[in-house]
């Protein structure tokens, strides 16, 4: 059995579907970011969370450099 080579239209459809899925994921990430930001303000933990996040990022950068 030989596989049929995809047509240009097939490739366009696949790429279009991938773009649509990425847009949906981006919208969900943005929504989660907004909800998390609102929750932190509600709990008045915005500064503490940012400090913790910066510390975690610095540790991760340090671990990547030593690898």
N, C-alpha and C. Protein backbone atom coordinates (compact mmCIF):
# COMPACT_ATOMS: atom_id res chain seq x y z
N UNK A 1 0.83 -1.18 0.00
CA UNK A 1 0.00 0.00 0.00
C UNK A 1 0.87 1.25 0.00
N UNK A 2 0.56 2.17 -0.85
CA UNK A 2 1.28 3.43 -0.86
C UNK A 2 0.39 4.52 -0.29
N UNK A 3 1.01 5.38 0.47
CA UNK A 3 0.25 6.47 1.07
C UNK A 3 0.04 7.57 0.05
N UNK A 4 -1.16 8.13 0.10
CA UNK A 4 -1.49 9.24 -0.79
C UNK A 4 -0.87 10.51 -0.23
N UNK A 5 -0.19 11.24 -1.07
CA UNK A 5 0.43 12.49 -0.67
C UNK A 5 -0.67 13.52 -0.41
N UNK A 6 -0.58 14.25 0.72
CA UNK A 6 -1.63 15.24 1.01
C UNK A 6 -1.62 16.37 -0.02
N UNK A 7 -2.82 16.84 -0.33
CA UNK A 7 -2.93 17.94 -1.28
C UNK A 7 -2.69 19.26 -0.55
N UNK A 8 -2.53 20.30 -1.33
CA UNK A 8 -2.33 21.62 -0.75
C UNK A 8 -3.54 22.00 0.11
N UNK A 9 -4.73 21.65 -0.34
CA UNK A 9 -5.96 21.95 0.40
C UNK A 9 -5.96 21.20 1.74
N UNK A 10 -5.53 19.94 1.76
CA UNK A 10 -5.45 19.16 3.00
C UNK A 10 -4.50 19.83 4.00
N UNK A 11 -3.38 20.27 3.50
CA UNK A 11 -2.38 20.93 4.36
C UNK A 11 -2.94 22.24 4.90
N UNK A 12 -3.63 23.00 4.05
CA UNK A 12 -4.23 24.27 4.48
C UNK A 12 -5.26 24.03 5.58
N UNK A 13 -6.05 22.98 5.46
CA UNK A 13 -7.07 22.66 6.46
C UNK A 13 -6.41 22.30 7.79
N UNK A 14 -5.37 21.49 7.74
CA UNK A 14 -4.67 21.10 8.97
C UNK A 14 -4.06 22.31 9.64
N UNK A 15 -3.40 23.16 8.89
CA UNK A 15 -2.77 24.35 9.45
C UNK A 15 -3.82 25.29 10.03
N UNK A 16 -4.92 25.44 9.32
CA UNK A 16 -6.01 26.29 9.81
C UNK A 16 -6.56 25.76 11.13
N UNK A 17 -6.73 24.45 11.23
CA UNK A 17 -7.21 23.84 12.48
C UNK A 17 -6.22 24.06 13.62
N UNK A 18 -4.93 23.92 13.32
CA UNK A 18 -3.90 24.15 14.35
C UNK A 18 -3.91 25.60 14.84
N UNK A 19 -4.06 26.53 13.91
CA UNK A 19 -4.12 27.95 14.28
C UNK A 19 -5.33 28.21 15.17
N UNK A 20 -6.47 27.63 14.82
CA UNK A 20 -7.68 27.82 15.62
C UNK A 20 -7.52 27.24 17.02
N UNK A 21 -6.89 26.08 17.11
CA UNK A 21 -6.65 25.47 18.42
C UNK A 21 -5.70 26.33 19.26
N UNK A 22 -4.66 26.87 18.63
CA UNK A 22 -3.73 27.73 19.35
C UNK A 22 -4.41 29.00 19.85
N UNK A 23 -5.31 29.56 19.04
CA UNK A 23 -6.05 30.75 19.46
C UNK A 23 -6.93 30.42 20.67
N UNK A 24 -7.55 29.26 20.66
CA UNK A 24 -8.40 28.85 21.79
C UNK A 24 -7.56 28.66 23.05
N UNK A 25 -6.39 28.06 22.92
CA UNK A 25 -5.50 27.86 24.06
C UNK A 25 -5.03 29.21 24.59
N UNK A 26 -4.68 30.11 23.69
CA UNK A 26 -4.23 31.44 24.10
C UNK A 26 -5.34 32.17 24.87
N UNK A 27 -6.57 32.06 24.41
CA UNK A 27 -7.69 32.69 25.10
C UNK A 27 -7.87 32.10 26.50
N UNK A 28 -7.71 30.80 26.62
CA UNK A 28 -7.85 30.16 27.94
C UNK A 28 -6.73 30.58 28.89
N UNK A 29 -5.53 30.66 28.38
CA UNK A 29 -4.39 31.08 29.21
C UNK A 29 -4.60 32.52 29.68
N UNK A 30 -5.06 33.38 28.79
CA UNK A 30 -5.33 34.77 29.15
C UNK A 30 -6.42 34.84 30.23
N UNK A 31 -7.47 34.04 30.06
CA UNK A 31 -8.55 34.02 31.05
C UNK A 31 -8.04 33.54 32.41
N UNK A 32 -7.21 32.50 32.41
CA UNK A 32 -6.64 32.00 33.66
C UNK A 32 -5.74 33.04 34.31
N UNK A 33 -4.96 33.72 33.50
CA UNK A 33 -4.09 34.77 34.02
C UNK A 33 -4.91 35.87 34.68
N UNK A 34 -6.00 36.27 34.03
CA UNK A 34 -6.87 37.31 34.59
C UNK A 34 -7.51 36.86 35.89
N UNK A 35 -7.99 35.62 35.92
CA UNK A 35 -8.63 35.11 37.13
C UNK A 35 -7.62 35.02 38.27
N UNK A 36 -6.42 34.53 37.99
CA UNK A 36 -5.40 34.44 39.03
C UNK A 36 -5.03 35.82 39.56
N UNK A 37 -4.91 36.79 38.66
CA UNK A 37 -4.60 38.16 39.08
C UNK A 37 -5.69 38.74 39.96
N UNK A 38 -6.95 38.51 39.58
CA UNK A 38 -8.06 38.99 40.39
C UNK A 38 -8.10 38.30 41.75
N UNK A 39 -7.82 37.01 41.78
CA UNK A 39 -7.82 36.27 43.04
C UNK A 39 -6.74 36.79 43.98
N UNK A 40 -5.55 37.07 43.41
CA UNK A 40 -4.46 37.58 44.24
C UNK A 40 -4.83 38.95 44.82
N UNK A 41 -5.47 39.80 44.03
CA UNK A 41 -5.91 41.10 44.54
C UNK A 41 -6.96 40.91 45.63
N UNK A 42 -7.88 39.98 45.41
CA UNK A 42 -8.94 39.71 46.37
C UNK A 42 -8.35 39.25 47.71
N UNK A 43 -7.34 38.40 47.63
CA UNK A 43 -6.71 37.87 48.85
C UNK A 43 -5.62 38.80 49.39
N UNK A 44 -5.36 39.88 48.67
CA UNK A 44 -4.33 40.85 49.04
C UNK A 44 -2.96 40.18 49.19
N UNK A 45 -2.69 39.24 48.31
CA UNK A 45 -1.41 38.52 48.33
C UNK A 45 -0.58 38.81 47.09
N UNK A 46 -0.92 39.89 46.42
CA UNK A 46 -0.26 40.19 45.15
C UNK A 46 1.26 40.34 45.30
N UNK A 47 1.69 41.14 46.26
CA UNK A 47 3.13 41.38 46.45
C UNK A 47 3.84 40.11 46.88
N UNK A 48 3.27 39.40 47.84
CA UNK A 48 3.89 38.17 48.32
C UNK A 48 4.01 37.13 47.22
N UNK A 49 2.99 37.03 46.40
CA UNK A 49 3.03 36.06 45.31
C UNK A 49 4.11 36.43 44.29
N UNK A 50 4.20 37.72 43.97
CA UNK A 50 5.22 38.15 43.00
C UNK A 50 6.62 37.88 43.52
N UNK A 51 6.84 38.13 44.82
CA UNK A 51 8.15 37.84 45.40
C UNK A 51 8.45 36.35 45.33
N UNK A 52 7.47 35.52 45.67
CA UNK A 52 7.65 34.07 45.60
C UNK A 52 7.93 33.62 44.18
N UNK A 53 7.18 34.18 43.21
CA UNK A 53 7.35 33.81 41.80
C UNK A 53 8.75 34.20 41.32
N UNK A 54 9.21 35.39 41.67
CA UNK A 54 10.55 35.82 41.27
C UNK A 54 11.61 34.89 41.84
N UNK A 55 11.43 34.48 43.10
CA UNK A 55 12.38 33.56 43.73
C UNK A 55 12.40 32.22 42.98
N UNK A 56 11.22 31.72 42.63
CA UNK A 56 11.13 30.45 41.90
C UNK A 56 11.80 30.55 40.53
N UNK A 57 11.57 31.66 39.84
CA UNK A 57 12.18 31.86 38.52
C UNK A 57 13.70 31.94 38.61
N UNK A 58 14.19 32.64 39.62
CA UNK A 58 15.64 32.73 39.80
C UNK A 58 16.24 31.36 40.09
N UNK A 59 15.56 30.56 40.93
CA UNK A 59 16.05 29.22 41.22
C UNK A 59 16.07 28.37 39.96
N UNK A 60 15.05 28.49 39.15
CA UNK A 60 14.97 27.72 37.91
C UNK A 60 16.07 28.13 36.95
N UNK A 61 16.32 29.44 36.84
CA UNK A 61 17.40 29.94 35.98
C UNK A 61 18.74 29.40 36.47
N UNK A 62 18.94 29.40 37.80
CA UNK A 62 20.17 28.89 38.37
C UNK A 62 20.37 27.42 38.07
N UNK A 63 19.29 26.65 38.15
CA UNK A 63 19.36 25.21 37.85
C UNK A 63 19.66 24.96 36.37
N UNK A 64 19.11 25.81 35.49
CA UNK A 64 19.35 25.64 34.05
C UNK A 64 20.79 25.97 33.70
N UNK A 65 21.33 26.98 34.36
CA UNK A 65 22.72 27.37 34.08
C UNK A 65 23.70 26.30 34.52
N UNK A 66 23.41 25.64 35.63
CA UNK A 66 24.33 24.63 36.16
C UNK A 66 24.22 23.30 35.42
N UNK A 67 23.21 23.15 34.57
CA UNK A 67 23.04 21.89 33.83
C UNK A 67 23.96 21.79 32.67
